[in-house]
Amino acid sequence: MRIGHGYDAHRFGPGDLVLLGGVAIPHEQGLIAHSDGDVLIHALCDALLGAAGLGDIGRHFPDTDPAFEGIDSRVLLRKVVEELRQRGFRAGNVDATVIAQRPRLGAYIPAMQERLAEDLGIGVSQVNIKATTTEKMGFTGRGEGIAAHAVVLLHD
């Protein structure tokens, strides 16, 4: 068994929705990113890659490569999962936390869990997602962006 941790953060910018866990959430701003800005999936990819000793998302999908501009992060996650499968690994479970003062995320968490479980090839009960605020402290608390942490257990 191997454990990995991932973290990602993006600033708010122009737009009318944010993508988190593959779910479009209406919001008065979007997230600035080379891809679609899904911080939850980016943190999850980093956790998976880290657990396997394969570096991070930037090594596999660099933001200098035009091929990844605007890409759906679920596509990246599926590529990471395939890379892990080729090396004999599969996810056992995921525990993730999204840190955002806004938008409110509770109603969207079940859909996020379903999408991530589907992409990981595991049961929904193996994907736990939490949302928290920072009580208006720091960049997320001031509403400047969103961050996420993810922890995964891999096994062969």
C-alpha atoms as a PDB file:
ATOM      1  CA  MET A   1       0.000   0.000   0.000  1.00  0.00           C
ATOM      2  CA  ARG A   2       1.113   3.556  -0.723  1.00  0.00           C
ATOM      3  CA  ILE A   3      -0.237   6.895   0.458  1.00  0.00           C
ATOM      4  CA  GLY A   4      -0.122  10.136  -1.525  1.00  0.00           C
ATOM      5  CA  HIS A   5      -1.067  13.727  -0.805  1.00  0.00           C
ATOM      6  CA  GLY A   6      -1.905  16.471  -3.312  1.00  0.00           C
ATOM      7  CA  TYR A   7      -2.645  20.173  -3.124  1.00  0.00           C
ATOM      8  CA  ASP A   8      -3.752  22.730  -5.678  1.00  0.00           C
ATOM      9  CA  ALA A   9      -5.080  26.286  -5.714  1.00  0.00           C
ATOM     10  CA  HIS A  10      -6.345  28.678  -8.385  1.00  0.00           C
ATOM     11  CA  ARG A  11      -7.329  32.357  -8.367  1.00  0.00           C
ATOM     12  CA  PHE A  12     -10.738  33.613  -9.296  1.00  0.00           C
ATOM     13  CA  GLY A  13     -11.101  35.486 -12.579  1.00  0.00           C
ATOM     14  CA  PRO A  14     -13.614  36.058 -15.348  1.00  0.00           C
ATOM     15  CA  GLY A  15     -16.361  33.473 -15.755  1.00  0.00           C
ATOM     16  CA  ASP A  16     -19.694  32.343 -14.423  1.00  0.00           C
ATOM     17  CA  LEU A  17     -18.911  28.895 -13.011  1.00  0.00           C
ATOM     18  CA  VAL A  18     -16.221  26.827 -11.346  1.00  0.00           C
ATOM     19  CA  LEU A  19     -15.480  23.178 -12.029  1.00  0.00           C
ATOM     20  CA  LEU A  20     -14.830  21.030  -8.981  1.00  0.00           C
ATOM     21  CA  GLY A  21     -14.634  17.270  -9.123  1.00  0.00           C
ATOM     22  CA  GLY A  22     -15.894  17.447 -12.683  1.00  0.00           C
ATOM     23  CA  VAL A  23     -19.066  19.270 -11.639  1.00  0.00           C
ATOM     24  CA  ALA A  24     -19.965  22.720 -13.016  1.00  0.00           C
ATOM     25  CA  ILE A  25     -21.000  24.980 -10.154  1.00  0.00           C
ATOM     26  CA  PRO A  26     -22.608  28.329 -10.968  1.00  0.00           C
ATOM     27  CA  HIS A  27     -20.644  31.255  -9.523  1.00  0.00           C
ATOM     28  CA  GLU A  28     -20.075  34.903 -10.304  1.00  0.00           C
ATOM     29  CA  GLN A  29     -16.460  34.127 -11.238  1.00  0.00           C
ATOM     30  CA  GLY A  30     -14.442  31.368 -12.831  1.00  0.00           C
ATOM     31  CA  LEU A  31     -10.969  30.080 -12.012  1.00  0.00           C
ATOM     32  CA  ILE A  32      -7.838  31.175 -13.857  1.00  0.00           C
ATOM     33  CA  ALA A  33      -5.861  28.184 -15.128  1.00  0.00           C
ATOM     34  CA  HIS A  34      -4.154  26.668 -18.150  1.00  0.00           C
ATOM     35  CA  SER A  35      -6.633  23.763 -18.071  1.00  0.00           C
ATOM     36  CA  ASP A  36     -10.217  23.993 -16.789  1.00  0.00           C
ATOM     37  CA  GLY A  37      -8.962  24.921 -13.299  1.00  0.00           C
ATOM     38  CA  ASP A  38     -10.524  21.993 -11.400  1.00  0.00           C
ATOM     39  CA  VAL A  39      -8.448  22.251  -8.206  1.00  0.00           C
ATOM     40  CA  LEU A  40     -10.021  19.138  -6.713  1.00  0.00           C
ATOM     41  CA  ILE A  41      -9.037  16.920  -9.622  1.00  0.00           C
ATOM     42  CA  HIS A  42      -5.588  18.519  -9.828  1.00  0.00           C
ATOM     43  CA  ALA A  43      -4.965  17.796  -6.144  1.00  0.00           C
ATOM     44  CA  LEU A  44      -6.232  14.240  -6.666  1.00  0.00           C
ATOM     45  CA  CYS A  45      -3.917  13.707  -9.647  1.00  0.00           C
ATOM     46  CA  ASP A  46      -0.970  14.929  -7.582  1.00  0.00           C
ATOM     47  CA  ALA A  47      -1.903  12.582  -4.741  1.00  0.00           C
ATOM     48  CA  LEU A  48      -2.186   9.598  -7.084  1.00  0.00           C
ATOM     49  CA  LEU A  49       1.068  10.376  -8.884  1.00  0.00           C
ATOM     50  CA  GLY A  50       2.853  11.028  -5.597  1.00  0.00           C
ATOM     51  CA  ALA A  51       1.714   7.741  -4.077  1.00  0.00           C
ATOM     52  CA  ALA A  52       3.131   5.916  -7.105  1.00  0.00           C
ATOM     53  CA  GLY A  53       6.388   7.898  -6.981  1.00  0.00           C
ATOM     54  CA  LEU A  54       5.673   9.467 -10.378  1.00  0.00           C
ATOM     55  CA  GLY A  55       6.131  13.156  -9.623  1.00  0.00           C
ATOM     56  CA  ASP A  56       3.289  15.604 -10.049  1.00  0.00           C
ATOM     57  CA  ILE A  57       0.676  16.805 -12.511  1.00  0.00           C
ATOM     58  CA  GLY A  58       3.000  19.502 -13.880  1.00  0.00           C
ATOM     59  CA  ARG A  59       5.536  16.901 -14.949  1.00  0.00           C
ATOM     60  CA  HIS A  60       2.956  14.865 -16.842  1.00  0.00           C
ATOM     61  CA  PHE A  61       0.778  17.699 -18.178  1.00  0.00           C
ATOM     62  CA  PRO A  62       2.902  20.887 -18.240  1.00  0.00           C
ATOM     63  CA  ASP A  63       1.146  24.226 -18.501  1.00  0.00           C
ATOM     64  CA  THR A  64       3.636  25.163 -21.205  1.00  0.00           C
ATOM     65  CA  ASP A  65       2.166  22.535 -23.539  1.00  0.00           C
ATOM     66  CA  PRO A  66      -0.626  23.936 -25.744  1.00  0.00           C
ATOM     67  CA  ALA A  67      -2.145  20.433 -25.939  1.00  0.00           C
ATOM     68  CA  PHE A  68      -3.400  20.845 -22.374  1.00  0.00           C
ATOM     69  CA  GLU A  69      -4.808  24.356 -22.720  1.00  0.00           C
ATOM     70  CA  GLY A  70      -8.431  24.345 -21.560  1.00  0.00           C
ATOM     71  CA  ILE A  71      -8.433  20.541 -21.213  1.00  0.00           C
ATOM     72  CA  ASP A  72     -11.097  18.832 -19.133  1.00  0.00           C
ATOM     73  CA  SER A  73      -9.354  17.757 -15.922  1.00  0.00           C
ATOM     74  CA  ARG A  74     -11.327  14.509 -15.922  1.00  0.00           C
ATOM     75  CA  VAL A  75      -9.376  13.570 -19.060  1.00  0.00           C
ATOM     76  CA  LEU A  76      -6.147  14.168 -17.137  1.00  0.00           C
ATOM     77  CA  LEU A  77      -7.402  12.105 -14.199  1.00  0.00           C
ATOM     78  CA  ARG A  78      -8.273   9.187 -16.480  1.00  0.00           C
ATOM     79  CA  LYS A  79      -4.785   9.361 -18.017  1.00  0.00           C
ATOM     80  CA  VAL A  80      -3.236   9.250 -14.533  1.00  0.00           C
ATOM     81  CA  VAL A  81      -5.434   6.287 -13.566  1.00  0.00           C
ATOM     82  CA  GLU A  82      -4.363   4.443 -16.736  1.00  0.00           C
ATOM     83  CA  GLU A  83      -0.685   5.148 -15.996  1.00  0.00           C
ATOM     84  CA  LEU A  84      -1.158   3.719 -12.511  1.00  0.00           C
ATOM     85  CA  ARG A  85      -2.990   0.649 -13.821  1.00  0.00           C
ATOM     86  CA  GLN A  86      -0.114  -0.042 -16.221  1.00  0.00           C
ATOM     87  CA  ARG A  87       2.197  -0.048 -13.202  1.00  0.00           C
ATOM     88  CA  GLY A  88      -0.084  -2.378 -11.252  1.00  0.00           C
ATOM     89  CA  PHE A  89      -1.675   0.196  -8.929  1.00  0.00           C
ATOM     90  CA  ARG A  90      -5.290   1.032  -8.200  1.00  0.00           C
ATOM     91  CA  ALA A  91      -6.903   3.467  -5.807  1.00  0.00           C
ATOM     92  CA  GLY A  92      -8.222   2.082  -2.546  1.00  0.00           C
ATOM     93  CA  ASN A  93      -9.864   5.262  -1.338  1.00  0.00           C
ATOM     94  CA  VAL A  94      -9.756   9.042  -1.601  1.00  0.00           C
ATOM     95  CA  ASP A  95     -10.281  11.682   1.057  1.00  0.00           C
ATOM     96  CA  ALA A  96     -10.339  15.271  -0.185  1.00  0.00           C
ATOM     97  CA  THR A  97     -11.071  18.721   1.182  1.00  0.00           C
ATOM     98  CA  VAL A  98     -12.039  21.754  -0.892  1.00  0.00           C
ATOM     99  CA  ILE A  99     -11.251  25.069   0.782  1.00  0.00           C
ATOM    100  CA  ALA A 100     -13.500  27.893  -0.402  1.00  0.00           C
ATOM    101  CA  GLN A 101     -15.343  30.730   1.249  1.00  0.00           C
ATOM    102  CA  ARG A 102     -17.697  30.663  -1.708  1.00  0.00           C
ATOM    103  CA  PRO A 103     -19.482  29.158  -3.564  1.00  0.00           C
ATOM    104  CA  ARG A 104     -21.278  26.899  -1.118  1.00  0.00           C
ATOM    105  CA  LEU A 105     -20.499  23.317  -2.152  1.00  0.00           C
ATOM    106  CA  GLY A 106     -22.561  20.934  -0.017  1.00  0.00           C
ATOM    107  CA  ALA A 107     -25.269  20.296  -2.601  1.00  0.00           C
ATOM    108  CA  TYR A 108     -22.670  19.390  -5.257  1.00  0.00           C
ATOM    109  CA  ILE A 109     -20.568  16.927  -3.263  1.00  0.00           C
ATOM    110  CA  PRO A 110     -22.568  13.757  -4.140  1.00  0.00           C
ATOM    111  CA  ALA A 111     -22.173  14.466  -7.881  1.00  0.00           C
ATOM    112  CA  MET A 112     -18.441  15.109  -7.396  1.00  0.00           C
ATOM    113  CA  GLN A 113     -18.086  11.788  -5.578  1.00  0.00           C
ATOM    114  CA  GLU A 114     -19.921   9.961  -8.357  1.00  0.00           C
ATOM    115  CA  ARG A 115     -17.770  11.449 -11.125  1.00  0.00           C
ATOM    116  CA  LEU A 116     -14.484  10.846  -9.329  1.00  0.00           C
ATOM    117  CA  ALA A 117     -15.459   7.278  -8.410  1.00  0.00           C
ATOM    118  CA  GLU A 118     -16.329   6.632 -12.053  1.00  0.00           C
ATOM    119  CA  ASP A 119     -12.996   7.996 -13.299  1.00  0.00           C
ATOM    120  CA  LEU A 120     -11.039   6.098 -10.639  1.00  0.00           C
ATOM    121  CA  GLY A 121     -12.925   2.851 -11.221  1.00  0.00           C
ATOM    122  CA  ILE A 122     -13.906   2.518  -7.545  1.00  0.00           C
ATOM    123  CA  GLY A 123     -17.122   2.683  -5.557  1.00  0.00           C
ATOM    124  CA  VAL A 124     -18.682   5.967  -4.514  1.00  0.00           C
ATOM    125  CA  SER A 125     -18.266   4.940  -0.858  1.00  0.00           C
ATOM    126  CA  GLN A 126     -14.490   4.979  -1.443  1.00  0.00           C
ATOM    127  CA  VAL A 127     -14.506   8.691  -2.329  1.00  0.00           C
ATOM    128  CA  ASN A 128     -14.972  11.183   0.480  1.00  0.00           C
ATOM    129  CA  ILE A 129     -15.147  14.908  -0.239  1.00  0.00           C
ATOM    130  CA  LYS A 130     -15.431  17.630   2.347  1.00  0.00           C
ATOM    131  CA  ALA A 131     -15.826  21.380   1.955  1.00  0.00           C
ATOM    132  CA  THR A 132     -14.636  23.970   4.434  1.00  0.00           C
ATOM    133  CA  THR A 133     -14.062  27.678   4.724  1.00  0.00           C
ATOM    134  CA  THR A 134     -11.188  29.442   6.429  1.00  0.00           C
ATOM    135  CA  GLU A 135     -13.482  31.775   8.396  1.00  0.00           C
ATOM    136  CA  LYS A 136     -12.559  34.620   6.025  1.00  0.00           C
ATOM    137  CA  MET A 137      -8.809  34.224   6.652  1.00  0.00           C
ATOM    138  CA  GLY A 138      -6.196  33.953   3.889  1.00  0.00           C
ATOM    139  CA  PHE A 139      -6.676  34.028   0.117  1.00  0.00           C
ATOM    140  CA  THR A 140      -9.594  31.600   0.146  1.00  0.00           C
ATOM    141  CA  GLY A 141     -11.273  33.428   2.998  1.00  0.00           C
ATOM    142  CA  ARG A 142     -10.965  36.744   1.189  1.00  0.00           C
ATOM    143  CA  GLY A 143     -12.642  35.145  -1.839  1.00  0.00           C
ATOM    144  CA  GLU A 144      -9.540  35.372  -4.041  1.00  0.00           C
ATOM    145  CA  GLY A 145      -9.532  31.701  -5.032  1.00  0.00           C
ATOM    146  CA  ILE A 146     -10.158  28.070  -4.171  1.00  0.00           C
ATOM    147  CA  ALA A 147      -7.786  25.382  -2.885  1.00  0.00           C
ATOM    148  CA  ALA A 148      -8.015  21.619  -2.395  1.00  0.00           C
ATOM    149  CA  HIS A 149      -6.130  18.849  -0.602  1.00  0.00           C
ATOM    150  CA  ALA A 150      -6.435  15.177  -1.476  1.00  0.00           C
ATOM    151  CA  VAL A 151      -5.095  12.032   0.173  1.00  0.00           C
ATOM    152  CA  VAL A 152      -5.218   8.637  -1.531  1.00  0.00           C
ATOM    153  CA  LEU A 153      -4.378   5.066  -0.720  1.00  0.00           C
ATOM    154  CA  LEU A 154      -3.003   3.011  -3.594  1.00  0.00           C
ATOM    155  CA  HIS A 155      -2.573  -0.726  -3.618  1.00  0.00           C
ATOM    156  CA  ASP A 156      -1.598  -3.371  -6.134  1.00  0.00           C
END
